[in-house]
C-alpha atoms as a PDB file:
ATOM      1  CA  MET A   1     -62.490 -19.874  10.390  1.00  0.00           C
ATOM      2  CA  THR A   2     -62.481 -16.748   9.419  1.00  0.00           C
ATOM      3  CA  THR A   3     -61.166 -14.950   6.500  1.00  0.00           C
ATOM      4  CA  VAL A   4     -60.289 -11.116   6.098  1.00  0.00           C
ATOM      5  CA  ASP A   5     -61.418  -9.983   2.514  1.00  0.00           C
ATOM      6  CA  PRO A   6     -58.215  -7.922   0.986  1.00  0.00           C
ATOM      7  CA  ASP A   7     -60.771  -5.152  -0.482  1.00  0.00           C
ATOM      8  CA  THR A   8     -62.040  -4.761   3.048  1.00  0.00           C
ATOM      9  CA  ALA A   9     -58.944  -5.069   5.382  1.00  0.00           C
ATOM     10  CA  ALA A  10     -57.547  -1.845   7.166  1.00  0.00           C
ATOM     11  CA  PRO A  11     -54.636   0.000   5.087  1.00  0.00           C
ATOM     12  CA  PRO A  12     -51.366   0.382   6.598  1.00  0.00           C
ATOM     13  CA  SER A  13     -51.346   3.556   9.139  1.00  0.00           C
ATOM     14  CA  PRO A  14     -49.841   6.728   7.525  1.00  0.00           C
ATOM     15  CA  ALA A  15     -46.990   6.193  10.185  1.00  0.00           C
ATOM     16  CA  ALA A  16     -46.055   2.823   8.693  1.00  0.00           C
ATOM     17  CA  ASP A  17     -45.977   4.112   5.096  1.00  0.00           C
ATOM     18  CA  ARG A  18     -44.269   7.044   5.754  1.00  0.00           C
ATOM     19  CA  VAL A  19     -41.055   4.638   7.539  1.00  0.00           C
ATOM     20  CA  ARG A  20     -41.620   2.644   4.542  1.00  0.00           C
ATOM     21  CA  ARG A  21     -41.317   5.208   2.026  1.00  0.00           C
ATOM     22  CA  ARG A  22     -38.202   6.867   4.189  1.00  0.00           C
ATOM     23  CA  ALA A  23     -36.334   3.660   4.567  1.00  0.00           C
ATOM     24  CA  ALA A  24     -36.918   3.250   0.431  1.00  0.00           C
ATOM     25  CA  GLY A  25     -35.985   6.727  -0.240  1.00  0.00           C
ATOM     26  CA  ASP A  26     -32.769   6.538   1.905  1.00  0.00           C
ATOM     27  CA  PRO A  27     -30.132   4.428   0.348  1.00  0.00           C
ATOM     28  CA  VAL A  28     -27.631   5.883   2.228  1.00  0.00           C
ATOM     29  CA  LYS A  29     -29.050   4.763   5.322  1.00  0.00           C
ATOM     30  CA  ALA A  30     -28.717   0.665   4.268  1.00  0.00           C
ATOM     31  CA  LEU A  31     -25.128   1.674   3.230  1.00  0.00           C
ATOM     32  CA  LEU A  32     -24.317   2.936   6.621  1.00  0.00           C
ATOM     33  CA  HIS A  33     -25.568  -0.055   8.699  1.00  0.00           C
ATOM     34  CA  ARG A  34     -23.831  -2.120   6.081  1.00  0.00           C
ATOM     35  CA  HIS A  35     -20.420  -0.611   6.744  1.00  0.00           C
ATOM     36  CA  ARG A  36     -21.009   0.346  10.207  1.00  0.00           C
ATOM     37  CA  GLU A  37     -17.610  -0.184  11.756  1.00  0.00           C
ATOM     38  CA  LEU A  38     -15.603   1.198   9.095  1.00  0.00           C
ATOM     39  CA  CYS A  39     -17.711   4.321   9.612  1.00  0.00           C
ATOM     40  CA  GLU A  40     -17.537   4.638  13.149  1.00  0.00           C
ATOM     41  CA  ARG A  41     -14.002   4.060  13.330  1.00  0.00           C
ATOM     42  CA  ALA A  42     -12.780   6.517  10.986  1.00  0.00           C
ATOM     43  CA  VAL A  43     -10.884   9.705  11.933  1.00  0.00           C
ATOM     44  CA  ASP A  44     -12.379  11.119   8.649  1.00  0.00           C
ATOM     45  CA  PRO A  45     -14.379  11.274   5.166  1.00  0.00           C
ATOM     46  CA  LEU A  46     -11.210  10.070   3.845  1.00  0.00           C
ATOM     47  CA  GLU A  47     -10.487   6.713   5.555  1.00  0.00           C
ATOM     48  CA  ILE A  48     -14.355   5.650   4.752  1.00  0.00           C
ATOM     49  CA  ALA A  49     -14.008   7.185   1.048  1.00  0.00           C
ATOM     50  CA  ALA A  50     -10.738   4.706   0.892  1.00  0.00           C
ATOM     51  CA  GLY A  51     -12.633   1.700   2.352  1.00  0.00           C
ATOM     52  CA  LEU A  52     -15.551   2.033   0.169  1.00  0.00           C
ATOM     53  CA  GLU A  53     -13.589   1.395  -2.732  1.00  0.00           C
ATOM     54  CA  ALA A  54     -11.634  -1.086  -1.146  1.00  0.00           C
ATOM     55  CA  HIS A  55     -15.246  -2.754  -1.078  1.00  0.00           C
ATOM     56  CA  GLY A  56     -15.472  -2.149  -5.107  1.00  0.00           C
ATOM     57  CA  ILE A  57     -17.642   1.134  -4.813  1.00  0.00           C
ATOM     58  CA  THR A  58     -17.065   3.674  -7.748  1.00  0.00           C
ATOM     59  CA  ASP A  59     -17.864   6.851  -8.345  1.00  0.00           C
ATOM     60  CA  ARG A  60     -20.223   5.292 -10.628  1.00  0.00           C
ATOM     61  CA  THR A  61     -21.887   3.322  -7.992  1.00  0.00           C
ATOM     62  CA  ALA A  62     -21.929   6.287  -5.716  1.00  0.00           C
ATOM     63  CA  ALA A  63     -24.106   7.901  -8.138  1.00  0.00           C
ATOM     64  CA  ARG A  64     -27.056   5.419  -7.065  1.00  0.00           C
ATOM     65  CA  PHE A  65     -26.894   6.945  -3.537  1.00  0.00           C
ATOM     66  CA  ARG A  66     -27.723  10.280  -5.000  1.00  0.00           C
ATOM     67  CA  HIS A  67     -23.897  11.311  -4.680  1.00  0.00           C
ATOM     68  CA  ARG A  68     -21.371  12.709  -7.535  1.00  0.00           C
ATOM     69  CA  ASP A  69     -18.291  10.485  -5.969  1.00  0.00           C
ATOM     70  CA  VAL A  70     -17.065   8.398  -3.228  1.00  0.00           C
ATOM     71  CA  PHE A  71     -15.862  11.036  -1.624  1.00  0.00           C
ATOM     72  CA  SER A  72     -18.983  12.771  -1.379  1.00  0.00           C
ATOM     73  CA  LEU A  73     -20.961   9.880  -0.104  1.00  0.00           C
ATOM     74  CA  ALA A  74     -17.835   9.658   2.621  1.00  0.00           C
ATOM     75  CA  GLU A  75     -18.582  12.478   3.853  1.00  0.00           C
ATOM     76  CA  GLU A  76     -22.367  11.840   4.327  1.00  0.00           C
ATOM     77  CA  LEU A  77     -21.650   8.240   6.104  1.00  0.00           C
ATOM     78  CA  TYR A  78     -19.107  10.141   8.267  1.00  0.00           C
ATOM     79  CA  ALA A  79     -21.222  13.008   9.374  1.00  0.00           C
ATOM     80  CA  ARG A  80     -24.433  10.404  10.208  1.00  0.00           C
ATOM     81  CA  SER A  81     -21.639   7.962  12.140  1.00  0.00           C
ATOM     82  CA  PRO A  82     -22.307   7.778  15.786  1.00  0.00           C
ATOM     83  CA  ARG A  83     -19.326   8.381  17.830  1.00  0.00           C
ATOM     84  CA  GLY A  84     -18.350   8.854  21.562  1.00  0.00           C
ATOM     85  CA  GLU A  85     -16.336  12.296  20.663  1.00  0.00           C
ATOM     86  CA  VAL A  86     -15.095  13.588  17.587  1.00  0.00           C
ATOM     87  CA  PRO A  87     -11.538  12.923  16.701  1.00  0.00           C
ATOM     88  CA  ALA A  88      -8.985  15.636  15.810  1.00  0.00           C
ATOM     89  CA  ALA A  89      -8.404  15.760  12.269  1.00  0.00           C
ATOM     90  CA  ALA A  90      -4.855  14.616  11.422  1.00  0.00           C
ATOM     91  CA  PRO A  91      -2.536  17.062  10.047  1.00  0.00           C
ATOM     92  CA  ALA A  92      -1.434  16.062   6.276  1.00  0.00           C
ATOM     93  CA  LEU A  93       1.985  16.463   6.776  1.00  0.00           C
ATOM     94  CA  VAL A  94       3.671  15.660  10.325  1.00  0.00           C
ATOM     95  CA  PRO A  95       6.926  17.324  11.505  1.00  0.00           C
ATOM     96  CA  ALA A  96       9.740  14.585  11.484  1.00  0.00           C
ATOM     97  CA  GLY A  97       9.800  13.358  15.095  1.00  0.00           C
ATOM     98  CA  PRO A  98      12.147  10.986  17.178  1.00  0.00           C
ATOM     99  CA  SER A  99      10.658   7.656  16.046  1.00  0.00           C
ATOM    100  CA  ALA A 100      11.154   9.077  12.064  1.00  0.00           C
ATOM    101  CA  TYR A 101      15.209   9.737  12.867  1.00  0.00           C
ATOM    102  CA  ARG A 102      15.607   6.218  14.568  1.00  0.00           C
ATOM    103  CA  ALA A 103      13.471   4.457  11.471  1.00  0.00           C
ATOM    104  CA  PHE A 104      16.242   6.298   9.018  1.00  0.00           C
ATOM    105  CA  GLY A 105      19.223   5.400  11.075  1.00  0.00           C
ATOM    106  CA  CYS A 106      17.623   1.669  11.209  1.00  0.00           C
ATOM    107  CA  ALA A 107      17.893   2.188   7.379  1.00  0.00           C
ATOM    108  CA  LEU A 108      21.336   3.013   7.246  1.00  0.00           C
ATOM    109  CA  LEU A 109      22.638  -0.085   9.418  1.00  0.00           C
ATOM    110  CA  PRO A 110      22.393  -2.419   6.176  1.00  0.00           C
ATOM    111  CA  GLY A 111      24.365  -0.552   4.131  1.00  0.00           C
ATOM    112  CA  ALA A 112      26.901   0.611   6.943  1.00  0.00           C
ATOM    113  CA  LEU A 113      27.209  -3.321   8.211  1.00  0.00           C
ATOM    114  CA  ALA A 114      27.664  -4.450   4.736  1.00  0.00           C
ATOM    115  CA  ALA A 115      29.973  -2.073   3.432  1.00  0.00           C
ATOM    116  CA  SER A 116      32.129  -1.997   6.666  1.00  0.00           C
ATOM    117  CA  ALA A 117      32.427  -6.109   6.553  1.00  0.00           C
ATOM    118  CA  ALA A 118      33.146  -6.161   2.851  1.00  0.00           C
ATOM    119  CA  ALA A 119      35.857  -3.914   3.332  1.00  0.00           C
ATOM    120  CA  ALA A 120      37.227  -5.984   6.075  1.00  0.00           C
ATOM    121  CA  ASP A 121      37.395  -9.107   3.878  1.00  0.00           C
ATOM    122  CA  GLN A 122      34.939 -10.913   6.324  1.00  0.00           C
ATOM    123  CA  ALA A 123      33.160 -14.075   4.855  1.00  0.00           C
ATOM    124  CA  TRP A 124      30.101 -13.157   6.423  1.00  0.00           C
ATOM    125  CA  ALA A 125      29.481  -9.901   4.742  1.00  0.00           C
ATOM    126  CA  GLY A 126      27.403 -10.990   1.613  1.00  0.00           C
ATOM    127  CA  PRO A 127      24.813 -13.086   4.104  1.00  0.00           C
ATOM    128  CA  ALA A 128      24.801 -10.419   6.259  1.00  0.00           C
ATOM    129  CA  ALA A 129      23.676  -8.156   3.808  1.00  0.00           C
ATOM    130  CA  VAL A 130      21.541 -10.078   2.248  1.00  0.00           C
ATOM    131  CA  ALA A 131      19.737 -10.612   5.805  1.00  0.00           C
ATOM    132  CA  ALA A 132      19.746  -6.861   6.444  1.00  0.00           C
ATOM    133  CA  THR A 133      18.267  -5.850   3.344  1.00  0.00           C
ATOM    134  CA  VAL A 134      15.333  -8.151   2.938  1.00  0.00           C
ATOM    135  CA  ALA A 135      14.683  -7.412   6.741  1.00  0.00           C
ATOM    136  CA  ALA A 136      14.723  -3.432   5.864  1.00  0.00           C
ATOM    137  CA  LEU A 137      13.309  -3.467   2.577  1.00  0.00           C
ATOM    138  CA  VAL A 138      10.004  -5.973   2.374  1.00  0.00           C
ATOM    139  CA  TRP A 139       9.006  -5.556   6.363  1.00  0.00           C
ATOM    140  CA  PRO A 140       5.564  -4.873   6.264  1.00  0.00           C
ATOM    141  CA  GLY A 141       3.920  -1.746   7.558  1.00  0.00           C
ATOM    142  CA  ARG A 142       0.123  -3.548   7.951  1.00  0.00           C
ATOM    143  CA  ALA A 143      -0.802  -6.974   9.341  1.00  0.00           C
ATOM    144  CA  ALA A 144       0.150  -9.562   6.861  1.00  0.00           C
ATOM    145  CA  GLY A 145      -2.824 -11.415   5.436  1.00  0.00           C
ATOM    146  CA  GLY A 146      -3.974 -14.217   3.228  1.00  0.00           C
ATOM    147  CA  ARG A 147      -3.518 -18.078   3.764  1.00  0.00           C
ATOM    148  CA  PHE A 148       0.897 -17.609   3.323  1.00  0.00           C
ATOM    149  CA  PRO A 149       1.202 -14.430   4.790  1.00  0.00           C
ATOM    150  CA  TRP A 150       5.388 -14.810   4.740  1.00  0.00           C
ATOM    151  CA  LEU A 151       5.871 -16.524   1.480  1.00  0.00           C
ATOM    152  CA  ALA A 152       6.432 -12.929   0.027  1.00  0.00           C
ATOM    153  CA  HIS A 153       8.919 -11.994   2.774  1.00  0.00           C
ATOM    154  CA  LEU A 154      10.621 -15.715   2.113  1.00  0.00           C
ATOM    155  CA  LEU A 155      10.701 -15.819  -1.319  1.00  0.00           C
ATOM    156  CA  ALA A 156      12.518 -12.023  -1.082  1.00  0.00           C
ATOM    157  CA  ALA A 157      15.338 -13.519   1.319  1.00  0.00           C
ATOM    158  CA  VAL A 158      15.382 -16.414  -1.609  1.00  0.00           C
ATOM    159  CA  VAL A 159      16.135 -14.020  -4.373  1.00  0.00           C
ATOM    160  CA  ALA A 160      18.243 -11.771  -2.785  1.00  0.00           C
ATOM    161  CA  GLY A 161      20.609 -14.635  -1.548  1.00  0.00           C
ATOM    162  CA  TRP A 162      20.438 -16.663  -4.773  1.00  0.00           C
ATOM    163  CA  ALA A 163      21.275 -13.257  -6.486  1.00  0.00           C
ATOM    164  CA  ALA A 164      24.616 -12.607  -3.823  1.00  0.00           C
ATOM    165  CA  TYR A 165      25.736 -16.178  -4.576  1.00  0.00           C
ATOM    166  CA  ARG A 166      25.628 -16.133  -8.421  1.00  0.00           C
ATOM    167  CA  TYR A 167      27.157 -12.494  -8.653  1.00  0.00           C
ATOM    168  CA  GLY A 168      29.000 -12.233  -5.306  1.00  0.00           C
ATOM    169  CA  THR A 169      29.382  -9.939  -2.312  1.00  0.00           C
ATOM    170  CA  ALA A 170      29.918  -6.871  -4.062  1.00  0.00           C
ATOM    171  CA  LEU A 171      25.825  -7.495  -5.302  1.00  0.00           C
ATOM    172  CA  ALA A 172      24.681  -8.069  -1.753  1.00  0.00           C
ATOM    173  CA  VAL A 173      26.209  -4.623  -0.641  1.00  0.00           C
ATOM    174  CA  GLY A 174      25.156  -2.694  -3.414  1.00  0.00           C
ATOM    175  CA  LEU A 175      21.226  -4.051  -2.324  1.00  0.00           C
ATOM    176  CA  ALA A 176      22.286  -3.174   1.350  1.00  0.00           C
ATOM    177  CA  LEU A 177      23.178   0.567   0.223  1.00  0.00           C
ATOM    178  CA  ALA A 178      20.422   1.171  -1.616  1.00  0.00           C
ATOM    179  CA  VAL A 179      18.182   0.255   1.400  1.00  0.00           C
ATOM    180  CA  ALA A 180      18.683   4.178   3.431  1.00  0.00           C
ATOM    181  CA  PRO A 181      17.263   5.871   0.012  1.00  0.00           C
ATOM    182  CA  GLY A 182      14.352   3.282  -0.483  1.00  0.00           C
ATOM    183  CA  HIS A 183      13.514   4.031   3.119  1.00  0.00           C
ATOM    184  CA  LEU A 184      12.974   7.655   2.399  1.00  0.00           C
ATOM    185  CA  LEU A 185      11.728   7.350  -1.266  1.00  0.00           C
ATOM    186  CA  ALA A 186       8.923   5.034   0.571  1.00  0.00           C
ATOM    187  CA  ALA A 187       7.975   7.722   3.313  1.00  0.00           C
ATOM    188  CA  ALA A 188       8.015  10.294   1.018  1.00  0.00           C
ATOM    189  CA  PHE A 189       5.461   8.712  -1.041  1.00  0.00           C
ATOM    190  CA  ALA A 190       3.686   7.633   1.700  1.00  0.00           C
ATOM    191  CA  ALA A 191       3.268  11.303   2.975  1.00  0.00           C
ATOM    192  CA  GLY A 192       2.823  12.535  -0.681  1.00  0.00           C
ATOM    193  CA  GLY A 193       0.061  10.111  -1.187  1.00  0.00           C
ATOM    194  CA  ARG A 194      -1.902  10.601   1.939  1.00  0.00           C
ATOM    195  CA  ALA A 195      -1.778  14.553   1.153  1.00  0.00           C
ATOM    196  CA  ARG A 196      -3.025  13.635  -2.164  1.00  0.00           C
ATOM    197  CA  LEU A 197      -5.891  11.805  -0.881  1.00  0.00           C
ATOM    198  CA  GLY A 198      -6.894  14.904   0.914  1.00  0.00           C
ATOM    199  CA  GLY A 199      -7.084  17.216  -1.928  1.00  0.00           C
ATOM    200  CA  SER A 200      -8.901  14.828  -4.340  1.00  0.00           C
ATOM    201  CA  ARG A 201     -12.416  15.117  -5.018  1.00  0.00           C
ATOM    202  CA  ALA A 202     -13.133  11.921  -6.828  1.00  0.00           C
ATOM    203  CA  LEU A 203     -11.320   8.284  -6.975  1.00  0.00           C
ATOM    204  CA  GLU A 204      -9.709   9.238 -10.863  1.00  0.00           C
ATOM    205  CA  ASP A 205      -8.856  12.271  -9.698  1.00  0.00           C
ATOM    206  CA  PHE A 206      -6.951  10.499  -6.536  1.00  0.00           C
ATOM    207  CA  ALA A 207      -5.582   8.457  -9.285  1.00  0.00           C
ATOM    208  CA  ASP A 208      -4.185  10.974 -11.762  1.00  0.00           C
ATOM    209  CA  ARG A 209      -2.205  12.788  -8.433  1.00  0.00           C
ATOM    210  CA  ALA A 210      -1.219   9.204  -7.241  1.00  0.00           C
ATOM    211  CA  ARG A 211       0.717   8.376 -10.169  1.00  0.00           C
ATOM    212  CA  PRO A 212       3.223  11.070 -11.376  1.00  0.00           C
ATOM    213  CA  LEU A 213       4.366  10.878  -7.177  1.00  0.00           C
ATOM    214  CA  LEU A 214       4.847   6.766  -7.838  1.00  0.00           C
ATOM    215  CA  PHE A 215       7.040   7.335 -10.974  1.00  0.00           C
ATOM    216  CA  ALA A 216       8.848   9.975  -9.387  1.00  0.00           C
ATOM    217  CA  ALA A 217       9.476   7.446  -6.133  1.00  0.00           C
ATOM    218  CA  VAL A 218      10.455   4.901  -8.560  1.00  0.00           C
ATOM    219  CA  ALA A 219      12.960   6.920 -10.815  1.00  0.00           C
ATOM    220  CA  GLY A 220      14.348   8.315  -7.934  1.00  0.00           C
ATOM    221  CA  PHE A 221      15.235   4.857  -6.722  1.00  0.00           C
ATOM    222  CA  THR A 222      16.527   3.370  -9.687  1.00  0.00           C
ATOM    223  CA  GLY A 223      18.895   6.480  -9.893  1.00  0.00           C
ATOM    224  CA  ALA A 224      19.831   5.533  -6.185  1.00  0.00           C
ATOM    225  CA  ALA A 225      19.945   1.852  -6.716  1.00  0.00           C
ATOM    226  CA  ALA A 226      22.422   2.508  -9.950  1.00  0.00           C
ATOM    227  CA  GLY A 227      24.641   4.727  -7.739  1.00  0.00           C
ATOM    228  CA  ALA A 228      24.768   2.177  -4.659  1.00  0.00           C
ATOM    229  CA  ALA A 229      25.688  -0.615  -7.380  1.00  0.00           C
ATOM    230  CA  ALA A 230      28.407   1.370  -8.694  1.00  0.00           C
ATOM    231  CA  LEU A 231      30.241   2.020  -5.331  1.00  0.00           C
ATOM    232  CA  ALA A 232      29.573  -1.270  -4.284  1.00  0.00           C
ATOM    233  CA  GLY A 233      31.255  -2.874  -7.820  1.00  0.00           C
ATOM    234  CA  ALA A 234      28.265  -4.568  -8.533  1.00  0.00           C
ATOM    235  CA  PRO A 235      27.086  -5.159 -12.376  1.00  0.00           C
ATOM    236  CA  LEU A 236      24.356  -2.586 -12.657  1.00  0.00           C
ATOM    237  CA  PRO A 237      22.118  -4.728 -15.325  1.00  0.00           C
ATOM    238  CA  VAL A 238      22.006  -7.025 -12.572  1.00  0.00           C
ATOM    239  CA  ALA A 239      21.652  -5.255  -9.326  1.00  0.00           C
ATOM    240  CA  VAL A 240      19.417  -2.425 -10.384  1.00  0.00           C
ATOM    241  CA  PRO A 241      16.583  -4.633 -11.698  1.00  0.00           C
ATOM    242  CA  LEU A 242      16.851  -6.704  -8.285  1.00  0.00           C
ATOM    243  CA  ALA A 243      16.731  -3.814  -5.924  1.00  0.00           C
ATOM    244  CA  LEU A 244      13.835  -2.208  -7.523  1.00  0.00           C
ATOM    245  CA  LEU A 245      12.278  -5.673  -7.251  1.00  0.00           C
ATOM    246  CA  LEU A 246      12.585  -5.523  -3.506  1.00  0.00           C
ATOM    247  CA  PHE A 247      11.736  -1.518  -3.357  1.00  0.00           C
ATOM    248  CA  LEU A 248       8.548  -2.154  -5.088  1.00  0.00           C
ATOM    249  CA  THR A 249       7.894  -5.059  -2.869  1.00  0.00           C
ATOM    250  CA  ARG A 250       8.453  -3.006   0.145  1.00  0.00           C
ATOM    251  CA  LEU A 251       6.047  -0.438  -1.301  1.00  0.00           C
ATOM    252  CA  LEU A 252       3.151  -3.150  -1.866  1.00  0.00           C
ATOM    253  CA  LEU A 253       3.791  -4.833   1.362  1.00  0.00           C
ATOM    254  CA  ARG A 254       3.415  -1.341   3.479  1.00  0.00           C
ATOM    255  CA  HIS A 255       0.224  -0.290   1.543  1.00  0.00           C
ATOM    256  CA  GLY A 256      -1.334  -3.454   2.310  1.00  0.00           C
ATOM    257  CA  SER A 257      -1.345  -5.171  -1.078  1.00  0.00           C
ATOM    258  CA  ARG A 258      -2.309  -8.543  -1.964  1.00  0.00           C
ATOM    259  CA  ARG A 259       0.641 -10.941  -1.522  1.00  0.00           C
ATOM    260  CA  GLY A 260      -0.237 -13.221  -4.662  1.00  0.00           C
ATOM    261  CA  PRO A 261       1.206 -11.000  -7.082  1.00  0.00           C
ATOM    262  CA  VAL A 262       4.194  -9.729  -5.367  1.00  0.00           C
ATOM    263  CA  ALA A 263       4.919 -13.505  -4.728  1.00  0.00           C
ATOM    264  CA  ALA A 264       4.471 -14.242  -8.095  1.00  0.00           C
ATOM    265  CA  ALA A 265       6.975 -12.030  -9.381  1.00  0.00           C
ATOM    266  CA  LEU A 266       9.664 -12.739  -6.761  1.00  0.00           C
ATOM    267  CA  ALA A 267       9.059 -16.535  -7.848  1.00  0.00           C
ATOM    268  CA  LEU A 268       9.885 -15.200 -11.899  1.00  0.00           C
ATOM    269  CA  ALA A 269      13.098 -13.327 -10.948  1.00  0.00           C
ATOM    270  CA  LEU A 270      14.382 -16.985  -9.634  1.00  0.00           C
ATOM    271  CA  ILE A 271      14.617 -18.306 -12.995  1.00  0.00           C
ATOM    272  CA  PRO A 272      18.201 -18.611 -13.764  1.00  0.00           C
ATOM    273  CA  VAL A 273      18.506 -16.246 -17.066  1.00  0.00           C
ATOM    274  CA  PRO A 274      19.473 -13.260 -17.378  1.00  0.00           C
ATOM    275  CA  ALA A 275      16.105 -11.574 -18.373  1.00  0.00           C
ATOM    276  CA  ALA A 276      14.187 -12.917 -15.550  1.00  0.00           C
ATOM    277  CA  ALA A 277      14.970 -10.203 -12.867  1.00  0.00           C
ATOM    278  CA  PRO A 278      14.118  -7.445 -14.987  1.00  0.00           C
ATOM    279  CA  ALA A 279      11.177  -8.868 -16.596  1.00  0.00           C
ATOM    280  CA  ALA A 280       9.635  -9.322 -12.710  1.00  0.00           C
ATOM    281  CA  ALA A 281      10.878  -6.040 -11.813  1.00  0.00           C
ATOM    282  CA  ALA A 282       8.569  -4.375 -14.905  1.00  0.00           C
ATOM    283  CA  ALA A 283       5.906  -7.075 -14.495  1.00  0.00           C
ATOM    284  CA  LEU A 284       5.438  -5.769 -10.606  1.00  0.00           C
ATOM    285  CA  LEU A 285       5.712  -1.962 -11.621  1.00  0.00           C
ATOM    286  CA  VAL A 286       2.678  -2.640 -13.931  1.00  0.00           C
ATOM    287  CA  HIS A 287       0.827  -3.903 -10.537  1.00  0.00           C
ATOM    288  CA  THR A 288       2.120  -1.511  -8.281  1.00  0.00           C
ATOM    289  CA  VAL A 289       0.763   1.155 -10.465  1.00  0.00           C
ATOM    290  CA  LEU A 290      -2.711   0.051 -10.407  1.00  0.00           C
ATOM    291  CA  ALA A 291      -2.488  -1.531  -7.055  1.00  0.00           C
ATOM    292  CA  LEU A 292      -1.051   2.338  -5.249  1.00  0.00           C
ATOM    293  CA  SER A 293      -3.293   4.254  -7.712  1.00  0.00           C
ATOM    294  CA  ARG A 294      -6.194   3.295  -5.319  1.00  0.00           C
ATOM    295  CA  ALA A 295      -7.092   5.605  -2.461  1.00  0.00           C
ATOM    296  CA  SER A 296      -7.519   2.308  -0.358  1.00  0.00           C
ATOM    297  CA  ALA A 297      -3.878   1.779  -0.675  1.00  0.00           C
ATOM    298  CA  HIS A 298      -2.886   5.052   1.207  1.00  0.00           C
ATOM    299  CA  ALA A 299      -5.860   4.631   4.412  1.00  0.00           C
ATOM    300  CA  ARG A 300      -4.459   4.154   7.665  1.00  0.00           C
ATOM    301  CA  PRO A 301      -3.592   0.839   8.682  1.00  0.00           C
END
């Protein structure tokens, strides 16, 4: 049996050495291979930036790939991703079309149905208002995930139904009347978040731009919920926190947030003490600020 002396073995060929150095000196190529599906199906670099953030890549991590931030890294990944054809970039603001008007018309139905049934003194006014409110406020815009994807929706129905049972039909009508402004503000927040994603150059920059928009949407809905409760004759200290809780649930589910914190907040609201609903809304608001300040929450589903 013959042995090869390592001192006399033939050195690697120059071509193989160049390939090895190129692989070691091109960390972006490895990242591209790891996230190939994300990069190939993205319609613009913003989709890749949001997806990378969802996988835990931050601006600090991007420095290891020789980029100043995740957005710059995403632009290189997008440019180096093979695709059959280059899709046209979607405009930041899309004029309202028939589908948008239909959606707003559907958002008006819960309030109209509940108010009409209550005015006609129908016994089913309360249950109908609860069902319509939950269907309109917490219907997800993305595919539900997790082991119990519908737990949040079930808990939302229980919370609204229990509140209507305790405080009367007026509360259910007030929640139903808040559906329409909730729909408008949620749509405005989604469009504004997408526009700010396009104008941002770093994850922290996007978060700084998104938080004021979220606070404006929450403040606007809180005022609208107070007006709806006053119009329906519902007690404001009960109706407004409950409406805000459902509105935040809607925002989180439509932006693909994890169901666990949402379900926990809704379960907290079921505790039969007056402070339960305000505490649940406050806790979910904190989680909403953290979750919806992330670029990944505003990527296209």
